[in-house]
Every structure is written in C-alpha cells, then in structure tokens.
C-alpha atoms as a PDB file:
ATOM      1  CA  MET A   1      83.277 170.767-152.118  1.00  0.00           C
ATOM      2  CA  ALA A   2      80.915 169.769-154.916  1.00  0.00           C
ATOM      3  CA  PHE A   3      81.566 170.292-158.615  1.00  0.00           C
ATOM      4  CA  GLU A   4      78.499 171.029-160.715  1.00  0.00           C
ATOM      5  CA  THR A   5      77.637 168.703-163.575  1.00  0.00           C
ATOM      6  CA  ALA A   6      78.022 171.268-166.332  1.00  0.00           C
ATOM      7  CA  GLY A   7      80.443 171.708-169.168  1.00  0.00           C
ATOM      8  CA  GLY A   8      80.845 168.053-170.020  1.00  0.00           C
ATOM      9  CA  GLU A   9      79.650 164.501-169.822  1.00  0.00           C
ATOM     10  CA  PRO A  10      79.119 163.373-166.195  1.00  0.00           C
ATOM     11  CA  GLY A  11      81.376 160.360-166.692  1.00  0.00           C
ATOM     12  CA  GLN A  12      84.288 162.764-167.218  1.00  0.00           C
ATOM     13  CA  LEU A  13      83.607 164.414-163.864  1.00  0.00           C
ATOM     14  CA  ALA A  14      83.349 161.000-162.212  1.00  0.00           C
ATOM     15  CA  ALA A  15      86.682 159.949-163.741  1.00  0.00           C
ATOM     16  CA  MET A  16      88.339 163.171-162.586  1.00  0.00           C
ATOM     17  CA  LEU A  17      87.041 162.691-159.027  1.00  0.00           C
ATOM     18  CA  ARG A  18      88.322 159.095-158.987  1.00  0.00           C
ATOM     19  CA  GLU A  19      91.709 160.200-160.338  1.00  0.00           C
ATOM     20  CA  ILE A  20      92.095 162.942-157.712  1.00  0.00           C
ATOM     21  CA  GLY A  21      91.097 160.462-155.021  1.00  0.00           C
ATOM     22  CA  CYS A  22      89.978 163.016-152.436  1.00  0.00           C
ATOM     23  CA  PRO A  23      86.800 161.869-150.633  1.00  0.00           C
ATOM     24  CA  GLN A  24      85.892 165.474-149.742  1.00  0.00           C
ATOM     25  CA  LEU A  25      85.374 166.304-153.438  1.00  0.00           C
ATOM     26  CA  ALA A  26      81.952 165.401-154.766  1.00  0.00           C
ATOM     27  CA  ALA A  27      79.266 166.315-157.316  1.00  0.00           C
ATOM     28  CA  CYS A  28      76.307 168.680-157.416  1.00  0.00           C
ATOM     29  CA  TYR A  29      73.928 167.098-159.918  1.00  0.00           C
ATOM     30  CA  ASP A  30      72.108 169.617-162.135  1.00  0.00           C
ATOM     31  CA  PRO A  31      69.847 167.966-164.724  1.00  0.00           C
ATOM     32  CA  ALA A  32      69.057 171.250-166.498  1.00  0.00           C
ATOM     33  CA  SER A  33      72.717 172.057-167.139  1.00  0.00           C
ATOM     34  CA  LEU A  34      73.145 168.620-168.651  1.00  0.00           C
ATOM     35  CA  MET A  35      70.054 168.904-170.869  1.00  0.00           C
ATOM     36  CA  ILE A  36      71.028 172.392-172.042  1.00  0.00           C
ATOM     37  CA  GLU A  37      74.283 170.914-173.297  1.00  0.00           C
ATOM     38  CA  GLY A  38      72.587 167.938-174.970  1.00  0.00           C
ATOM     39  CA  PHE A  39      73.221 165.235-172.372  1.00  0.00           C
ATOM     40  CA  ASP A  40      70.673 162.811-170.932  1.00  0.00           C
ATOM     41  CA  PRO A  41      70.433 163.696-167.236  1.00  0.00           C
ATOM     42  CA  LEU A  42      69.262 160.238-166.185  1.00  0.00           C
ATOM     43  CA  ALA A  43      71.955 158.343-168.094  1.00  0.00           C
ATOM     44  CA  GLY A  44      74.659 160.547-166.603  1.00  0.00           C
ATOM     45  CA  MET A  45      73.794 159.772-163.012  1.00  0.00           C
ATOM     46  CA  ALA A  46      75.218 156.247-162.758  1.00  0.00           C
ATOM     47  CA  PRO A  47      78.923 157.190-162.993  1.00  0.00           C
ATOM     48  CA  LEU A  48      78.486 159.748-160.191  1.00  0.00           C
ATOM     49  CA  ALA A  49      76.062 157.786-158.000  1.00  0.00           C
ATOM     50  CA  ASP A  50      78.441 157.470-155.056  1.00  0.00           C
ATOM     51  CA  ARG A  51      79.624 161.101-155.284  1.00  0.00           C
ATOM     52  CA  ILE A  52      76.377 163.121-155.429  1.00  0.00           C
ATOM     53  CA  VAL A  53      76.122 165.313-152.318  1.00  0.00           C
ATOM     54  CA  ALA A  54      73.778 167.942-153.751  1.00  0.00           C
ATOM     55  CA  ALA A  55      71.083 167.767-156.415  1.00  0.00           C
ATOM     56  CA  ARG A  56      69.094 170.468-158.129  1.00  0.00           C
ATOM     57  CA  GLY A  57      65.436 170.488-159.023  1.00  0.00           C
ATOM     58  CA  ARG A  58      65.807 172.344-162.293  1.00  0.00           C
ATOM     59  CA  ASP A  59      64.325 171.770-165.765  1.00  0.00           C
ATOM     60  CA  ALA A  60      65.273 172.650-169.339  1.00  0.00           C
ATOM     61  CA  LEU A  61      64.474 172.118-172.971  1.00  0.00           C
ATOM     62  CA  SER A  62      67.154 169.805-174.315  1.00  0.00           C
ATOM     63  CA  GLY A  63      69.919 171.062-176.522  1.00  0.00           C
ATOM     64  CA  SER A  64      71.808 169.255-179.265  1.00  0.00           C
ATOM     65  CA  ALA A  65      75.187 169.419-180.952  1.00  0.00           C
ATOM     66  CA  GLY A  66      74.232 172.486-182.977  1.00  0.00           C
ATOM     67  CA  ARG A  67      71.686 174.119-180.692  1.00  0.00           C
ATOM     68  CA  ALA A  68      71.914 174.959-177.033  1.00  0.00           C
ATOM     69  CA  GLY A  69      68.911 174.191-174.870  1.00  0.00           C
ATOM     70  CA  ARG A  70      67.422 176.599-172.367  1.00  0.00           C
ATOM     71  CA  GLU A  71      66.223 176.571-168.807  1.00  0.00           C
ATOM     72  CA  VAL A  72      62.470 176.546-168.199  1.00  0.00           C
ATOM     73  CA  ALA A  73      60.249 176.301-165.136  1.00  0.00           C
ATOM     74  CA  LEU A  74      60.245 172.929-163.400  1.00  0.00           C
ATOM     75  CA  GLY A  75      57.706 170.699-165.119  1.00  0.00           C
ATOM     76  CA  GLU A  76      57.746 172.628-168.407  1.00  0.00           C
ATOM     77  CA  GLY A  77      60.845 171.042-169.896  1.00  0.00           C
ATOM     78  CA  HIS A  78      62.139 167.639-170.854  1.00  0.00           C
ATOM     79  CA  LEU A  79      63.087 166.414-167.374  1.00  0.00           C
ATOM     80  CA  ASP A  80      61.070 163.389-166.289  1.00  0.00           C
ATOM     81  CA  LEU A  81      60.881 164.559-162.677  1.00  0.00           C
ATOM     82  CA  PRO A  82      59.520 161.299-161.169  1.00  0.00           C
ATOM     83  CA  ALA A  83      62.239 159.317-162.967  1.00  0.00           C
ATOM     84  CA  TYR A  84      64.882 161.839-161.842  1.00  0.00           C
ATOM     85  CA  LEU A  85      63.798 161.535-158.207  1.00  0.00           C
ATOM     86  CA  ALA A  86      63.809 157.737-158.498  1.00  0.00           C
ATOM     87  CA  ALA A  87      67.309 157.801-160.019  1.00  0.00           C
ATOM     88  CA  LEU A  88      68.554 160.022-157.191  1.00  0.00           C
ATOM     89  CA  ASP A  89      67.052 157.607-154.690  1.00  0.00           C
ATOM     90  CA  GLU A  90      68.679 154.654-156.455  1.00  0.00           C
ATOM     91  CA  ALA A  91      72.003 156.520-156.409  1.00  0.00           C
ATOM     92  CA  GLY A  92      71.726 156.802-152.620  1.00  0.00           C
ATOM     93  CA  TYR A  93      70.881 160.514-152.500  1.00  0.00           C
ATOM     94  CA  ARG A  94      68.549 160.965-149.528  1.00  0.00           C
ATOM     95  CA  ASP A  95      68.123 164.749-149.370  1.00  0.00           C
ATOM     96  CA  VAL A  96      65.548 166.828-151.213  1.00  0.00           C
ATOM     97  CA  PRO A  97      66.798 168.445-154.437  1.00  0.00           C
ATOM     98  CA  PHE A  98      67.178 172.174-154.002  1.00  0.00           C
ATOM     99  CA  LEU A  99      65.401 174.484-156.387  1.00  0.00           C
ATOM    100  CA  ARG A 100      67.243 176.930-158.585  1.00  0.00           C
ATOM    101  CA  ARG A 101      65.936 179.181-161.320  1.00  0.00           C
ATOM    102  CA  THR A 102      68.278 181.422-163.313  1.00  0.00           C
ATOM    103  CA  GLU A 103      66.065 182.682-166.145  1.00  0.00           C
ATOM    104  CA  ALA A 104      62.670 183.267-164.530  1.00  0.00           C
ATOM    105  CA  VAL A 105      60.194 185.935-165.577  1.00  0.00           C
ATOM    106  CA  ASP A 106      58.513 185.751-162.152  1.00  0.00           C
ATOM    107  CA  PRO A 107      61.019 183.948-159.901  1.00  0.00           C
ATOM    108  CA  VAL A 108      58.895 183.914-156.743  1.00  0.00           C
ATOM    109  CA  ALA A 109      55.847 182.428-158.474  1.00  0.00           C
ATOM    110  CA  GLU A 110      57.910 179.938-160.483  1.00  0.00           C
ATOM    111  CA  LEU A 111      59.849 178.729-157.448  1.00  0.00           C
ATOM    112  CA  ALA A 112      56.616 178.442-155.429  1.00  0.00           C
ATOM    113  CA  ALA A 113      55.067 176.327-158.187  1.00  0.00           C
ATOM    114  CA  ALA A 114      58.222 174.199-158.415  1.00  0.00           C
ATOM    115  CA  LYS A 115      58.206 173.688-154.647  1.00  0.00           C
ATOM    116  CA  ALA A 116      54.557 172.577-154.722  1.00  0.00           C
ATOM    117  CA  ARG A 117      55.247 170.168-157.634  1.00  0.00           C
ATOM    118  CA  LEU A 118      58.260 168.683-155.858  1.00  0.00           C
ATOM    119  CA  GLU A 119      56.375 168.335-152.572  1.00  0.00           C
ATOM    120  CA  ARG A 120      53.492 166.510-154.304  1.00  0.00           C
ATOM    121  CA  LEU A 121      55.869 164.036-155.897  1.00  0.00           C
ATOM    122  CA  LEU A 122      57.834 163.456-152.714  1.00  0.00           C
ATOM    123  CA  ALA A 123      54.662 162.973-150.659  1.00  0.00           C
ATOM    124  CA  GLY A 124      53.527 160.238-153.043  1.00  0.00           C
ATOM    125  CA  ARG A 125      56.676 158.163-152.567  1.00  0.00           C
END
C-alpha cells in the first residue's frame, strides 16, 4: 500500500511510516500535489527515498501559504522534470513515473504529449 505525498510535508509521511514500522506501507510520490500545496518536490524526496514504490509524472504551478497552486500539463509548470527524474534515480526508484492528469482540457492529447516528453528524457539518460 502506498500513501500519496499530499496534504503535508513529505518528512511527516516518512516519520509516520517509520513509526508504524510496517515494510508493506510505502509512498507514492506526486510532485504536483506537493507544489500545489507550496512544497518543493525535490527537497521532499530525501526523507522518503527508501519508501517510494510509485512516482507520478505530473506538473503544477507552485502554490504558497496564501494561494493554492494548480495542476498543468507536464512541462508547463514549475517541475524541473530532468532534476525530478535524477532525484528519483538517486532515491533508488527504478520504474518509470506514471502519468496522471486531473484537470485536462484535452486529456488524450495532453497525456500523449507528456508521454512523448517523458520518453525523450528517459531515452537520453
């Protein structure tokens, strides 16, 4: 079972997982959820590095304390996708991030473009 990184600072989720002590409980890392809530998605990865079993390829415009961010198409937000992929690799995550889009105008076209962008970056590694 993987808990999504949303609703709080990733270090809190990491602490909760350590406290519970159940190796079957892990994290699904979603950079867009973190950015929407005003967190830095790259800085939040370190505490969860050994617990990430799923990762999303999802982008957003960052929020702040007084303003929520919003999801945007992959590559149109504040996520540094090459740095995110490198951080996942450094954390030991070896799968491909799965794409998710919740607020798309044209979901099929946006997911196809996101897939192509992700494939280009992964091919260059």
